[in-house]
Amino acid sequence: MRPDTVIELLKTEDGTNENGFGVLNILGRKTVFGEKYSIRSSEFYQASQSGYVLELMFQIYKLEYDSEKYLAYQSKIYKIIRTYEKNNKVELVCQAYDESPVRT
Protein backbone atom coordinates (compact mmCIF):
# COMPACT_ATOMS: atom_id res chain seq x y z
CA MET A 1 0.00 0.00 0.00
CA ARG A 2 0.97 3.59 -0.52
CA PRO A 3 1.20 6.07 2.40
CA ASP A 4 -1.58 8.49 1.43
CA THR A 5 -3.12 9.36 4.80
CA VAL A 6 -2.06 12.63 6.43
CA ILE A 7 -1.64 12.51 10.22
CA GLU A 8 0.01 14.86 12.69
CA LEU A 9 2.25 13.51 15.42
CA LEU A 10 1.85 15.70 18.51
CA LYS A 11 4.60 16.72 20.90
CA THR A 12 2.77 17.15 24.21
CA GLU A 13 3.10 17.68 27.92
CA ASP A 14 0.60 17.27 30.74
CA GLY A 15 -0.41 20.44 32.52
CA THR A 16 -3.18 21.96 34.60
CA ASN A 17 -5.64 24.73 33.86
CA GLU A 18 -6.54 27.67 36.10
CA ASN A 19 -8.98 25.44 38.03
CA GLY A 20 -6.40 22.73 38.69
CA PHE A 21 -7.82 20.22 36.20
CA GLY A 22 -5.49 18.26 33.95
CA VAL A 23 -5.02 19.44 30.38
CA LEU A 24 -2.96 18.26 27.47
CA ASN A 25 -0.62 20.99 26.22
CA ILE A 26 0.34 20.61 22.57
CA LEU A 27 3.87 21.95 22.10
CA GLY A 28 4.34 21.04 18.44
CA ARG A 29 2.97 19.16 15.45
CA LYS A 30 4.77 17.12 12.81
CA THR A 31 2.84 16.22 9.65
CA VAL A 32 3.61 12.77 8.22
CA PHE A 33 2.12 10.47 5.62
CA GLY A 34 1.04 6.99 6.61
CA GLU A 35 -1.31 4.15 5.87
CA LYS A 36 -4.59 3.77 7.78
CA TYR A 37 -5.82 0.32 8.79
CA SER A 38 -8.67 -1.11 10.81
CA ILE A 39 -7.98 -2.72 14.17
CA ARG A 40 -7.70 -6.51 13.98
CA SER A 41 -10.74 -8.14 15.57
CA SER A 42 -8.70 -10.27 17.98
CA GLU A 43 -6.80 -7.21 19.22
CA PHE A 44 -10.02 -5.20 19.49
CA TYR A 45 -11.69 -7.80 21.72
CA GLN A 46 -8.59 -8.32 23.87
CA ALA A 47 -8.31 -4.58 24.43
CA SER A 48 -12.00 -4.19 25.25
CA GLN A 49 -11.59 -6.78 28.01
CA SER A 50 -8.91 -4.52 29.50
CA GLY A 51 -11.09 -1.41 29.25
CA TYR A 52 -9.65 0.07 26.02
CA VAL A 53 -11.61 0.92 22.91
CA LEU A 54 -9.14 0.75 20.03
CA GLU A 55 -10.29 2.62 16.95
CA LEU A 56 -7.58 3.07 14.34
CA MET A 57 -4.17 1.84 13.35
CA PHE A 58 -1.66 3.80 11.30
CA GLN A 59 1.60 2.62 9.82
CA ILE A 60 4.34 5.20 9.28
CA TYR A 61 8.06 5.12 8.61
CA LYS A 62 10.08 4.42 11.74
CA LEU A 63 12.43 7.37 11.21
CA GLU A 64 9.48 9.79 11.45
CA TYR A 65 8.30 8.49 14.84
CA ASP A 66 9.93 9.92 17.96
CA SER A 67 7.92 8.23 20.75
CA GLU A 68 5.01 10.68 20.51
CA LYS A 69 2.05 9.67 22.67
CA TYR A 70 -0.69 11.45 20.70
CA LEU A 71 -1.62 12.12 17.09
CA ALA A 72 -4.25 14.11 15.22
CA TYR A 73 -6.25 12.73 12.32
CA GLN A 74 -9.16 14.54 10.65
CA SER A 75 -9.31 17.16 13.43
CA LYS A 76 -9.61 14.52 16.17
CA ILE A 77 -6.94 13.69 18.74
CA TYR A 78 -5.99 10.06 19.39
CA LYS A 79 -3.88 8.54 22.13
CA ILE A 80 -1.29 6.04 20.92
CA ILE A 81 -1.91 2.92 23.00
CA ARG A 82 0.58 0.54 21.42
CA THR A 83 3.37 0.59 18.88
CA TYR A 84 4.86 -2.28 16.90
CA GLU A 85 7.99 -2.02 14.78
CA LYS A 86 7.94 -3.95 11.53
CA ASN A 87 10.97 -3.62 9.21
CA ASN A 88 11.39 0.11 8.48
CA LYS A 89 7.88 1.01 9.64
CA VAL A 90 6.03 1.30 12.94
CA GLU A 91 2.35 0.57 13.63
CA LEU A 92 0.53 3.04 15.88
CA VAL A 93 -2.59 1.59 17.51
CA CYS A 94 -4.87 4.39 18.75
CA GLN A 95 -7.98 5.23 20.72
CA ALA A 96 -9.88 8.53 20.71
CA TYR A 97 -8.65 10.97 23.34
CA ASP A 98 -11.36 12.70 25.34
CA GLU A 99 -10.11 12.58 28.91
CA SER A 100 -9.43 16.28 29.43
CA PRO A 101 -9.36 19.62 27.62
CA VAL A 102 -6.61 20.30 25.11
CA ARG A 103 -4.55 23.48 24.75
CA THR A 104 -2.77 24.32 21.53
PDB file of N, CA and C in Angstrom:
ATOM      1  N   MET A   1       0.823  -1.190   0.000  1.00  0.00           N
ATOM      2  CA  MET A   1       0.000   0.000   0.000  1.00  0.00           C
ATOM      3  C   MET A   1       0.863   1.247   0.000  1.00  0.00           C
ATOM      4  N   ARG A   2       0.269   2.321  -0.420  1.00  0.00           N
ATOM      5  CA  ARG A   2       0.968   3.588  -0.522  1.00  0.00           C
ATOM      6  C   ARG A   2       0.582   4.505   0.645  1.00  0.00           C
ATOM      7  N   PRO A   3       1.543   5.157   1.293  1.00  0.00           N
ATOM      8  CA  PRO A   3       1.198   6.072   2.396  1.00  0.00           C
ATOM      9  C   PRO A   3       0.506   7.325   1.856  1.00  0.00           C
ATOM     10  N   ASP A   4      -0.826   7.362   1.957  1.00  0.00           N
ATOM     11  CA  ASP A   4      -1.580   8.488   1.428  1.00  0.00           C
ATOM     12  C   ASP A   4      -2.486   9.154   2.462  1.00  0.00           C
ATOM     13  N   THR A   5      -2.322   8.786   3.723  1.00  0.00           N
ATOM     14  CA  THR A   5      -3.118   9.357   4.798  1.00  0.00           C
ATOM     15  C   THR A   5      -2.267  10.362   5.565  1.00  0.00           C
ATOM     16  N   VAL A   6      -2.789  11.579   5.722  1.00  0.00           N
ATOM     17  CA  VAL A   6      -2.057  12.628   6.430  1.00  0.00           C
ATOM     18  C   VAL A   6      -2.437  12.588   7.910  1.00  0.00           C
ATOM     19  N   ILE A   7      -1.422  12.439   8.768  1.00  0.00           N
ATOM     20  CA  ILE A   7      -1.639  12.510  10.216  1.00  0.00           C
ATOM     21  C   ILE A   7      -0.627  13.489  10.797  1.00  0.00           C
ATOM     22  N   GLU A   8      -0.919  13.975  11.987  1.00  0.00           N
ATOM     23  CA  GLU A   8       0.007  14.864  12.688  1.00  0.00           C
ATOM     24  C   GLU A   8       0.427  14.197  13.985  1.00  0.00           C
ATOM     25  N   LEU A   9       1.718  14.001  14.156  1.00  0.00           N
ATOM     26  CA  LEU A   9       2.250  13.509  15.417  1.00  0.00           C
ATOM     27  C   LEU A   9       2.389  14.702  16.345  1.00  0.00           C
ATOM     28  N   LEU A  10       1.901  14.575  17.578  1.00  0.00           N
ATOM     29  CA  LEU A  10       1.847  15.702  18.508  1.00  0.00           C
ATOM     30  C   LEU A  10       2.890  15.578  19.598  1.00  0.00           C
ATOM     31  N   LYS A  11       3.674  16.625  19.766  1.00  0.00           N
ATOM     32  CA  LYS A  11       4.602  16.720  20.902  1.00  0.00           C
ATOM     33  C   LYS A  11       3.796  17.376  22.016  1.00  0.00           C
ATOM     34  N   THR A  12       3.668  16.693  23.150  1.00  0.00           N
ATOM     35  CA  THR A  12       2.765  17.149  24.206  1.00  0.00           C
ATOM     36  C   THR A  12       3.424  17.128  25.579  1.00  0.00           C
ATOM     37  N   GLU A  13       2.758  17.783  26.502  1.00  0.00           N
ATOM     38  CA  GLU A  13       3.098  17.676  27.922  1.00  0.00           C
ATOM     39  C   GLU A  13       1.805  17.813  28.712  1.00  0.00           C
ATOM     40  N   ASP A  14       1.761  17.155  29.854  1.00  0.00           N
ATOM     41  CA  ASP A  14       0.605  17.275  30.740  1.00  0.00           C
ATOM     42  C   ASP A  14       0.728  18.561  31.525  1.00  0.00           C
ATOM     43  N   GLY A  15      -0.402  19.214  31.745  1.00  0.00           N
ATOM     44  CA  GLY A  15      -0.411  20.445  32.521  1.00  0.00           C
ATOM     45  C   GLY A  15      -1.716  20.552  33.286  1.00  0.00           C
ATOM     46  N   THR A  16      -1.925  21.694  33.899  1.00  0.00           N
ATOM     47  CA  THR A  16      -3.176  21.960  34.602  1.00  0.00           C
ATOM     48  C   THR A  16      -3.720  23.303  34.162  1.00  0.00           C
ATOM     49  N   ASN A  17      -5.033  23.451  34.204  1.00  0.00           N
ATOM     50  CA  ASN A  17      -5.643  24.727  33.862  1.00  0.00           C
ATOM     51  C   ASN A  17      -5.786  25.585  35.121  1.00  0.00           C
ATOM     52  N   GLU A  18      -6.415  26.739  34.969  1.00  0.00           N
ATOM     53  CA  GLU A  18      -6.541  27.673  36.096  1.00  0.00           C
ATOM     54  C   GLU A  18      -7.377  27.118  37.245  1.00  0.00           C
ATOM     55  N   ASN A  19      -8.163  26.070  36.987  1.00  0.00           N
ATOM     56  CA  ASN A  19      -8.977  25.437  38.031  1.00  0.00           C
ATOM     57  C   ASN A  19      -8.320  24.191  38.611  1.00  0.00           C
ATOM     58  N   GLY A  20      -7.121  23.873  38.167  1.00  0.00           N
ATOM     59  CA  GLY A  20      -6.397  22.734  38.686  1.00  0.00           C
ATOM     60  C   GLY A  20      -6.690  21.416  38.000  1.00  0.00           C
ATOM     61  N   PHE A  21      -7.498  21.442  36.939  1.00  0.00           N
ATOM     62  CA  PHE A  21      -7.816  20.223  36.204  1.00  0.00           C
ATOM     63  C   PHE A  21      -6.726  19.935  35.183  1.00  0.00           C
ATOM     64  N   GLY A  22      -6.512  18.662  34.908  1.00  0.00           N
ATOM     65  CA  GLY A  22      -5.494  18.261  33.952  1.00  0.00           C
ATOM     66  C   GLY A  22      -5.850  18.647  32.525  1.00  0.00           C
ATOM     67  N   VAL A  23      -4.868  19.129  31.797  1.00  0.00           N
ATOM     68  CA  VAL A  23      -5.025  19.439  30.377  1.00  0.00           C
ATOM     69  C   VAL A  23      -3.830  18.894  29.620  1.00  0.00           C
ATOM     70  N   LEU A  24      -4.020  18.716  28.351  1.00  0.00           N
ATOM     71  CA  LEU A  24      -2.959  18.260  27.474  1.00  0.00           C
ATOM     72  C   LEU A  24      -2.461  19.467  26.698  1.00  0.00           C
ATOM     73  N   ASN A  25      -1.216  19.863  26.935  1.00  0.00           N
ATOM     74  CA  ASN A  25      -0.623  20.994  26.221  1.00  0.00           C
ATOM     75  C   ASN A  25       0.091  20.477  24.980  1.00  0.00           C
ATOM     76  N   ILE A  26      -0.303  21.003  23.818  1.00  0.00           N
ATOM     77  CA  ILE A  26       0.341  20.615  22.568  1.00  0.00           C
ATOM     78  C   ILE A  26       1.463  21.605  22.294  1.00  0.00           C
ATOM     79  N   LEU A  27       2.698  21.105  22.286  1.00  0.00           N
ATOM     80  CA  LEU A  27       3.874  21.948  22.098  1.00  0.00           C
ATOM     81  C   LEU A  27       4.290  22.049  20.637  1.00  0.00           C
ATOM     82  N   GLY A  28       3.958  21.040  19.843  1.00  0.00           N
ATOM     83  CA  GLY A  28       4.341  21.044  18.439  1.00  0.00           C
ATOM     84  C   GLY A  28       3.629  19.958  17.665  1.00  0.00           C
ATOM     85  N   ARG A  29       3.618  20.113  16.347  1.00  0.00           N
ATOM     86  CA  ARG A  29       2.969  19.158  15.451  1.00  0.00           C
ATOM     87  C   ARG A  29       3.921  18.826  14.314  1.00  0.00           C
ATOM     88  N   LYS A  30       3.956  17.551  13.949  1.00  0.00           N
ATOM     89  CA  LYS A  30       4.773  17.121  12.814  1.00  0.00           C
ATOM     90  C   LYS A  30       3.863  16.349  11.864  1.00  0.00           C
ATOM     91  N   THR A  31       3.701  16.855  10.646  1.00  0.00           N
ATOM     92  CA  THR A  31       2.844  16.220   9.652  1.00  0.00           C
ATOM     93  C   THR A  31       3.619  15.111   8.943  1.00  0.00           C
ATOM     94  N   VAL A  32       3.006  13.926   8.894  1.00  0.00           N
ATOM     95  CA  VAL A  32       3.612  12.773   8.219  1.00  0.00           C
ATOM     96  C   VAL A  32       2.547  12.073   7.381  1.00  0.00           C
ATOM     97  N   PHE A  33       3.005  11.299   6.424  1.00  0.00           N
ATOM     98  CA  PHE A  33       2.116  10.467   5.623  1.00  0.00           C
ATOM     99  C   PHE A  33       2.211   9.039   6.120  1.00  0.00           C
ATOM    100  N   GLY A  34       1.068   8.376   6.158  1.00  0.00           N
ATOM    101  CA  GLY A  34       1.045   6.990   6.611  1.00  0.00           C
ATOM    102  C   GLY A  34      -0.068   6.220   5.932  1.00  0.00           C
ATOM    103  N   GLU A  35      -0.242   5.009   6.363  1.00  0.00           N
ATOM    104  CA  GLU A  35      -1.310   4.150   5.868  1.00  0.00           C
ATOM    105  C   GLU A  35      -2.271   3.881   7.014  1.00  0.00           C
ATOM    106  N   LYS A  36      -3.570   3.989   6.753  1.00  0.00           N
ATOM    107  CA  LYS A  36      -4.592   3.772   7.779  1.00  0.00           C
ATOM    108  C   LYS A  36      -5.153   2.365   7.630  1.00  0.00           C
ATOM    109  N   TYR A  37      -5.278   1.676   8.772  1.00  0.00           N
ATOM    110  CA  TYR A  37      -5.818   0.319   8.790  1.00  0.00           C
ATOM    111  C   TYR A  37      -6.885   0.216   9.873  1.00  0.00           C
ATOM    112  N   SER A  38      -7.715  -0.793   9.753  1.00  0.00           N
ATOM    113  CA  SER A  38      -8.672  -1.112  10.814  1.00  0.00           C
ATOM    114  C   SER A  38      -7.961  -1.923  11.882  1.00  0.00           C
ATOM    115  N   ILE A  39      -8.519  -1.907  13.070  1.00  0.00           N
ATOM    116  CA  ILE A  39      -7.984  -2.722  14.166  1.00  0.00           C
ATOM    117  C   ILE A  39      -8.353  -4.189  13.897  1.00  0.00           C
ATOM    118  N   ARG A  40      -7.414  -5.072  14.125  1.00  0.00           N
ATOM    119  CA  ARG A  40      -7.696  -6.509  13.976  1.00  0.00           C
ATOM    120  C   ARG A  40      -8.728  -6.926  15.026  1.00  0.00           C
ATOM    121  N   SER A  41      -9.650  -7.786  14.658  1.00  0.00           N
ATOM    122  CA  SER A  41     -10.735  -8.142  15.573  1.00  0.00           C
ATOM    123  C   SER A  41     -10.227  -8.788  16.858  1.00  0.00           C
ATOM    124  N   SER A  42      -9.217  -9.633  16.771  1.00  0.00           N
ATOM    125  CA  SER A  42      -8.697 -10.275  17.980  1.00  0.00           C
ATOM    126  C   SER A  42      -8.108  -9.235  18.934  1.00  0.00           C
ATOM    127  N   GLU A  43      -7.387  -8.258  18.379  1.00  0.00           N
ATOM    128  CA  GLU A  43      -6.796  -7.210  19.217  1.00  0.00           C
ATOM    129  C   GLU A  43      -7.880  -6.311  19.805  1.00  0.00           C
ATOM    130  N   PHE A  44      -8.911  -6.030  19.022  1.00  0.00           N
ATOM    131  CA  PHE A  44     -10.022  -5.204  19.493  1.00  0.00           C
ATOM    132  C   PHE A  44     -10.695  -5.840  20.708  1.00  0.00           C
ATOM    133  N   TYR A  45     -10.997  -7.125  20.624  1.00  0.00           N
ATOM    134  CA  TYR A  45     -11.686  -7.804  21.723  1.00  0.00           C
ATOM    135  C   TYR A  45     -10.792  -7.965  22.949  1.00  0.00           C
ATOM    136  N   GLN A  46      -9.522  -8.234  22.738  1.00  0.00           N
ATOM    137  CA  GLN A  46      -8.594  -8.316  23.872  1.00  0.00           C
ATOM    138  C   GLN A  46      -8.503  -6.973  24.588  1.00  0.00           C
ATOM    139  N   ALA A  47      -8.415  -5.913  23.833  1.00  0.00           N
ATOM    140  CA  ALA A  47      -8.305  -4.576  24.426  1.00  0.00           C
ATOM    141  C   ALA A  47      -9.584  -4.200  25.159  1.00  0.00           C
ATOM    142  N   SER A  48     -10.736  -4.553  24.597  1.00  0.00           N
ATOM    143  CA  SER A  48     -11.998  -4.195  25.255  1.00  0.00           C
ATOM    144  C   SER A  48     -12.147  -4.909  26.591  1.00  0.00           C
ATOM    145  N   GLN A  49     -11.562  -6.084  26.728  1.00  0.00           N
ATOM    146  CA  GLN A  49     -11.593  -6.784  28.012  1.00  0.00           C
ATOM    147  C   GLN A  49     -10.743  -6.067  29.051  1.00  0.00           C
ATOM    148  N   SER A  50      -9.775  -5.284  28.592  1.00  0.00           N
ATOM    149  CA  SER A  50      -8.915  -4.520  29.502  1.00  0.00           C
ATOM    150  C   SER A  50      -9.393  -3.084  29.672  1.00  0.00           C
ATOM    151  N   GLY A  51     -10.533  -2.742  29.082  1.00  0.00           N
ATOM    152  CA  GLY A  51     -11.090  -1.410  29.249  1.00  0.00           C
ATOM    153  C   GLY A  51     -10.697  -0.405  28.181  1.00  0.00           C
ATOM    154  N   TYR A  52     -10.035  -0.830  27.122  1.00  0.00           N
ATOM    155  CA  TYR A  52      -9.647   0.067  26.025  1.00  0.00           C
ATOM    156  C   TYR A  52     -10.616  -0.104  24.855  1.00  0.00           C
ATOM    157  N   VAL A  53     -10.831   0.979  24.132  1.00  0.00           N
ATOM    158  CA  VAL A  53     -11.613   0.923  22.907  1.00  0.00           C
ATOM    159  C   VAL A  53     -10.694   1.380  21.779  1.00  0.00           C
ATOM    160  N   LEU A  54     -10.059   0.428  21.121  1.00  0.00           N
ATOM    161  CA  LEU A  54      -9.138   0.752  20.034  1.00  0.00           C
ATOM    162  C   LEU A  54      -9.936   1.102  18.797  1.00  0.00           C
ATOM    163  N   GLU A  55      -9.512   2.157  18.086  1.00  0.00           N
ATOM    164  CA  GLU A  55     -10.295   2.624  16.949  1.00  0.00           C
ATOM    165  C   GLU A  55      -9.565   2.558  15.621  1.00  0.00           C
ATOM    166  N   LEU A  56      -8.311   2.978  15.601  1.00  0.00           N
ATOM    167  CA  LEU A  56      -7.576   3.070  14.342  1.00  0.00           C
ATOM    168  C   LEU A  56      -6.154   2.567  14.503  1.00  0.00           C
ATOM    169  N   MET A  57      -5.574   2.189  13.375  1.00  0.00           N
ATOM    170  CA  MET A  57      -4.169   1.841  13.353  1.00  0.00           C
ATOM    171  C   MET A  57      -3.548   2.532  12.145  1.00  0.00           C
ATOM    172  N   PHE A  58      -2.405   3.154  12.375  1.00  0.00           N
ATOM    173  CA  PHE A  58      -1.659   3.797  11.302  1.00  0.00           C
ATOM    174  C   PHE A  58      -0.291   3.142  11.212  1.00  0.00           C
ATOM    175  N   GLN A  59       0.240   3.115  10.011  1.00  0.00           N
ATOM    176  CA  GLN A  59       1.596   2.622   9.821  1.00  0.00           C
ATOM    177  C   GLN A  59       2.393   3.739   9.154  1.00  0.00           C
ATOM    178  N   ILE A  60       3.491   4.133   9.809  1.00  0.00           N
ATOM    179  CA  ILE A  60       4.338   5.201   9.281  1.00  0.00           C
ATOM    180  C   ILE A  60       5.782   4.709   9.268  1.00  0.00           C
ATOM    181  N   TYR A  61       6.644   5.473   8.614  1.00  0.00           N
ATOM    182  CA  TYR A  61       8.059   5.119   8.606  1.00  0.00           C
ATOM    183  C   TYR A  61       8.664   5.348   9.986  1.00  0.00           C
ATOM    184  N   LYS A  62       9.488   4.402  10.409  1.00  0.00           N
ATOM    185  CA  LYS A  62      10.085   4.416  11.740  1.00  0.00           C
ATOM    186  C   LYS A  62      10.889   5.688  12.010  1.00  0.00           C
ATOM    187  N   LEU A  63      11.594   6.185  10.990  1.00  0.00           N
ATOM    188  CA  LEU A  63      12.434   7.369  11.206  1.00  0.00           C
ATOM    189  C   LEU A  63      11.627   8.626  11.474  1.00  0.00           C
ATOM    190  N   GLU A  64      10.324   8.621  11.188  1.00  0.00           N
ATOM    191  CA  GLU A  64       9.479   9.794  11.451  1.00  0.00           C
ATOM    192  C   GLU A  64       8.882   9.779  12.857  1.00  0.00           C
ATOM    193  N   TYR A  65       8.936   8.633  13.519  1.00  0.00           N
ATOM    194  CA  TYR A  65       8.305   8.493  14.838  1.00  0.00           C
ATOM    195  C   TYR A  65       9.339   8.696  15.939  1.00  0.00           C
ATOM    196  N   ASP A  66       9.014   9.595  16.868  1.00  0.00           N
ATOM    197  CA  ASP A  66       9.928   9.922  17.957  1.00  0.00           C
ATOM    198  C   ASP A  66       9.237   9.737  19.309  1.00  0.00           C
ATOM    199  N   SER A  67       8.596   8.599  19.497  1.00  0.00           N
ATOM    200  CA  SER A  67       7.918   8.233  20.748  1.00  0.00           C
ATOM    201  C   SER A  67       6.807   9.196  21.155  1.00  0.00           C
ATOM    202  N   GLU A  68       6.152   9.830  20.181  1.00  0.00           N
ATOM    203  CA  GLU A  68       5.009  10.679  20.513  1.00  0.00           C
ATOM    204  C   GLU A  68       3.901   9.821  21.110  1.00  0.00           C
ATOM    205  N   LYS A  69       3.115  10.405  21.994  1.00  0.00           N
ATOM    206  CA  LYS A  69       2.052   9.665  22.668  1.00  0.00           C
ATOM    207  C   LYS A  69       0.671   9.994  22.117  1.00  0.00           C
ATOM    208  N   TYR A  70       0.585  11.023  21.264  1.00  0.00           N
ATOM    209  CA  TYR A  70      -0.689  11.451  20.699  1.00  0.00           C
ATOM    210  C   TYR A  70      -0.511  11.800  19.229  1.00  0.00           C
ATOM    211  N   LEU A  71      -1.622  11.687  18.488  1.00  0.00           N
ATOM    212  CA  LEU A  71      -1.619  12.118  17.094  1.00  0.00           C
ATOM    213  C   LEU A  71      -2.972  12.729  16.767  1.00  0.00           C
ATOM    214  N   ALA A  72      -3.005  13.509  15.693  1.00  0.00           N
ATOM    215  CA  ALA A  72      -4.250  14.105  15.218  1.00  0.00           C
ATOM    216  C   ALA A  72      -4.535  13.566  13.827  1.00  0.00           C
ATOM    217  N   TYR A  73      -5.807  13.218  13.613  1.00  0.00           N
ATOM    218  CA  TYR A  73      -6.248  12.729  12.317  1.00  0.00           C
ATOM    219  C   TYR A  73      -7.663  13.237  12.091  1.00  0.00           C
ATOM    220  N   GLN A  74      -7.868  13.949  10.996  1.00  0.00           N
ATOM    221  CA  GLN A  74      -9.162  14.535  10.650  1.00  0.00           C
ATOM    222  C   GLN A  74      -9.733  15.345  11.811  1.00  0.00           C
ATOM    223  N   SER A  75      -8.930  16.230  12.361  1.00  0.00           N
ATOM    224  CA  SER A  75      -9.311  17.163  13.433  1.00  0.00           C
ATOM    225  C   SER A  75      -9.689  16.491  14.744  1.00  0.00           C
ATOM    226  N   LYS A  76      -9.335  15.234  14.930  1.00  0.00           N
ATOM    227  CA  LYS A  76      -9.612  14.518  16.170  1.00  0.00           C
ATOM    228  C   LYS A  76      -8.293  14.044  16.753  1.00  0.00           C
ATOM    229  N   ILE A  77      -8.168  14.109  18.073  1.00  0.00           N
ATOM    230  CA  ILE A  77      -6.939  13.685  18.736  1.00  0.00           C
ATOM    231  C   ILE A  77      -7.084  12.239  19.210  1.00  0.00           C
ATOM    232  N   TYR A  78      -6.027  11.462  18.981  1.00  0.00           N
ATOM    233  CA  TYR A  78      -5.991  10.063  19.387  1.00  0.00           C
ATOM    234  C   TYR A  78      -4.787   9.821  20.278  1.00  0.00           C
ATOM    235  N   LYS A  79      -4.980   8.961  21.275  1.00  0.00           N
ATOM    236  CA  LYS A  79      -3.884   8.539  22.133  1.00  0.00           C
ATOM    237  C   LYS A  79      -3.291   7.264  21.545  1.00  0.00           C
ATOM    238  N   ILE A  80      -1.971   7.225  21.435  1.00  0.00           N
ATOM    239  CA  ILE A  80      -1.294   6.044  20.917  1.00  0.00           C
ATOM    240  C   ILE A  80      -1.158   5.042  22.063  1.00  0.00           C
ATOM    241  N   ILE A  81      -1.860   3.928  21.941  1.00  0.00           N
ATOM    242  CA  ILE A  81      -1.907   2.921  22.999  1.00  0.00           C
ATOM    243  C   ILE A  81      -0.758   1.930  22.877  1.00  0.00           C
ATOM    244  N   ARG A  82      -0.441   1.551  21.639  1.00  0.00           N
ATOM    245  CA  ARG A  82       0.582   0.537  21.422  1.00  0.00           C
ATOM    246  C   ARG A  82       1.310   0.813  20.122  1.00  0.00           C
ATOM    247  N   THR A  83       2.593   0.495  20.110  1.00  0.00           N
ATOM    248  CA  THR A  83       3.375   0.592  18.877  1.00  0.00           C
ATOM    249  C   THR A  83       3.981  -0.776  18.584  1.00  0.00           C
ATOM    250  N   TYR A  84       4.245  -1.015  17.303  1.00  0.00           N
ATOM    251  CA  TYR A  84       4.861  -2.275  16.896  1.00  0.00           C
ATOM    252  C   TYR A  84       5.753  -1.985  15.699  1.00  0.00           C
ATOM    253  N   GLU A  85       7.037  -2.251  15.863  1.00  0.00           N
ATOM    254  CA  GLU A  85       7.990  -2.015  14.777  1.00  0.00           C
ATOM    255  C   GLU A  85       8.021  -3.215  13.845  1.00  0.00           C
ATOM    256  N   LYS A  86       7.959  -2.913  12.546  1.00  0.00           N
ATOM    257  CA  LYS A  86       7.944  -3.952  11.525  1.00  0.00           C
ATOM    258  C   LYS A  86       8.805  -3.454  10.364  1.00  0.00           C
ATOM    259  N   ASN A  87       9.997  -4.039  10.229  1.00  0.00           N
ATOM    260  CA  ASN A  87      10.965  -3.625   9.208  1.00  0.00           C
ATOM    261  C   ASN A  87      11.306  -2.146   9.386  1.00  0.00           C
ATOM    262  N   ASN A  88      11.066  -1.318   8.373  1.00  0.00           N
ATOM    263  CA  ASN A  88      11.394   0.107   8.482  1.00  0.00           C
ATOM    264  C   ASN A  88      10.172   0.951   8.826  1.00  0.00           C
ATOM    265  N   LYS A  89       9.103   0.298   9.289  1.00  0.00           N
ATOM    266  CA  LYS A  89       7.875   1.011   9.642  1.00  0.00           C
ATOM    267  C   LYS A  89       7.480   0.711  11.079  1.00  0.00           C
ATOM    268  N   VAL A  90       6.563   1.520  11.594  1.00  0.00           N
ATOM    269  CA  VAL A  90       6.028   1.303  12.937  1.00  0.00           C
ATOM    270  C   VAL A  90       4.506   1.442  12.868  1.00  0.00           C
ATOM    271  N   GLU A  91       3.807   0.512  13.532  1.00  0.00           N
ATOM    272  CA  GLU A  91       2.353   0.570  13.632  1.00  0.00           C
ATOM    273  C   GLU A  91       1.982   1.354  14.886  1.00  0.00           C
ATOM    274  N   LEU A  92       1.032   2.257  14.756  1.00  0.00           N
ATOM    275  CA  LEU A  92       0.527   3.044  15.876  1.00  0.00           C
ATOM    276  C   LEU A  92      -0.935   2.670  16.084  1.00  0.00           C
ATOM    277  N   VAL A  93      -1.235   2.007  17.186  1.00  0.00           N
ATOM    278  CA  VAL A  93      -2.595   1.592  17.506  1.00  0.00           C
ATOM    279  C   VAL A  93      -3.181   2.638  18.447  1.00  0.00           C
ATOM    280  N   CYS A  94      -4.358   3.185  18.076  1.00  0.00           N
ATOM    281  CA  CYS A  94      -4.875   4.387  18.752  1.00  0.00           C
ATOM    282  C   CYS A  94      -6.301   4.233  19.246  1.00  0.00           C
ATOM    283  N   GLN A  95      -6.603   5.054  20.258  1.00  0.00           N
ATOM    284  CA  GLN A  95      -7.980   5.229  20.715  1.00  0.00           C
ATOM    285  C   GLN A  95      -8.250   6.722  20.794  1.00  0.00           C
ATOM    286  N   ALA A  96      -9.509   7.109  20.655  1.00  0.00           N
ATOM    287  CA  ALA A  96      -9.876   8.527  20.712  1.00  0.00           C
ATOM    288  C   ALA A  96      -9.522   9.091  22.086  1.00  0.00           C
ATOM    289  N   TYR A  97      -9.035  10.324  22.092  1.00  0.00           N
ATOM    290  CA  TYR A  97      -8.647  10.971  23.345  1.00  0.00           C
ATOM    291  C   TYR A  97      -9.723  11.970  23.719  1.00  0.00           C
ATOM    292  N   ASP A  98     -10.351  11.761  24.869  1.00  0.00           N
ATOM    293  CA  ASP A  98     -11.364  12.699  25.336  1.00  0.00           C
ATOM    294  C   ASP A  98     -11.353  12.826  26.862  1.00  0.00           C
ATOM    295  N   GLU A  99     -10.195  12.588  27.463  1.00  0.00           N
ATOM    296  CA  GLU A  99     -10.111  12.575  28.913  1.00  0.00           C
ATOM    297  C   GLU A  99     -10.105  13.970  29.533  1.00  0.00           C
ATOM    298  N   SER A 100      -9.511  14.936  28.852  1.00  0.00           N
ATOM    299  CA  SER A 100      -9.434  16.282  29.428  1.00  0.00           C
ATOM    300  C   SER A 100      -9.299  17.303  28.303  1.00  0.00           C
ATOM    301  N   PRO A 101      -9.490  18.576  28.641  1.00  0.00           N
ATOM    302  CA  PRO A 101      -9.357  19.622  27.617  1.00  0.00           C
ATOM    303  C   PRO A 101      -7.944  19.656  27.010  1.00  0.00           C
ATOM    304  N   VAL A 102      -7.864  20.217  25.832  1.00  0.00           N
ATOM    305  CA  VAL A 102      -6.609  20.297  25.108  1.00  0.00           C
ATOM    306  C   VAL A 102      -6.274  21.760  24.840  1.00  0.00           C
ATOM    307  N   ARG A 103      -5.021  22.122  25.070  1.00  0.00           N
ATOM    308  CA  ARG A 103      -4.545  23.482  24.752  1.00  0.00           C
ATOM    309  C   ARG A 103      -3.569  23.390  23.608  1.00  0.00           C
ATOM    310  N   THR A 104      -3.730  24.287  22.646  1.00  0.00           N
ATOM    311  CA  THR A 104      -2.773  24.322  21.533  1.00  0.00           C
ATOM    312  C   THR A 104      -1.968  25.584  21.571  1.00  0.00           C
TER     313      THR A 104
END
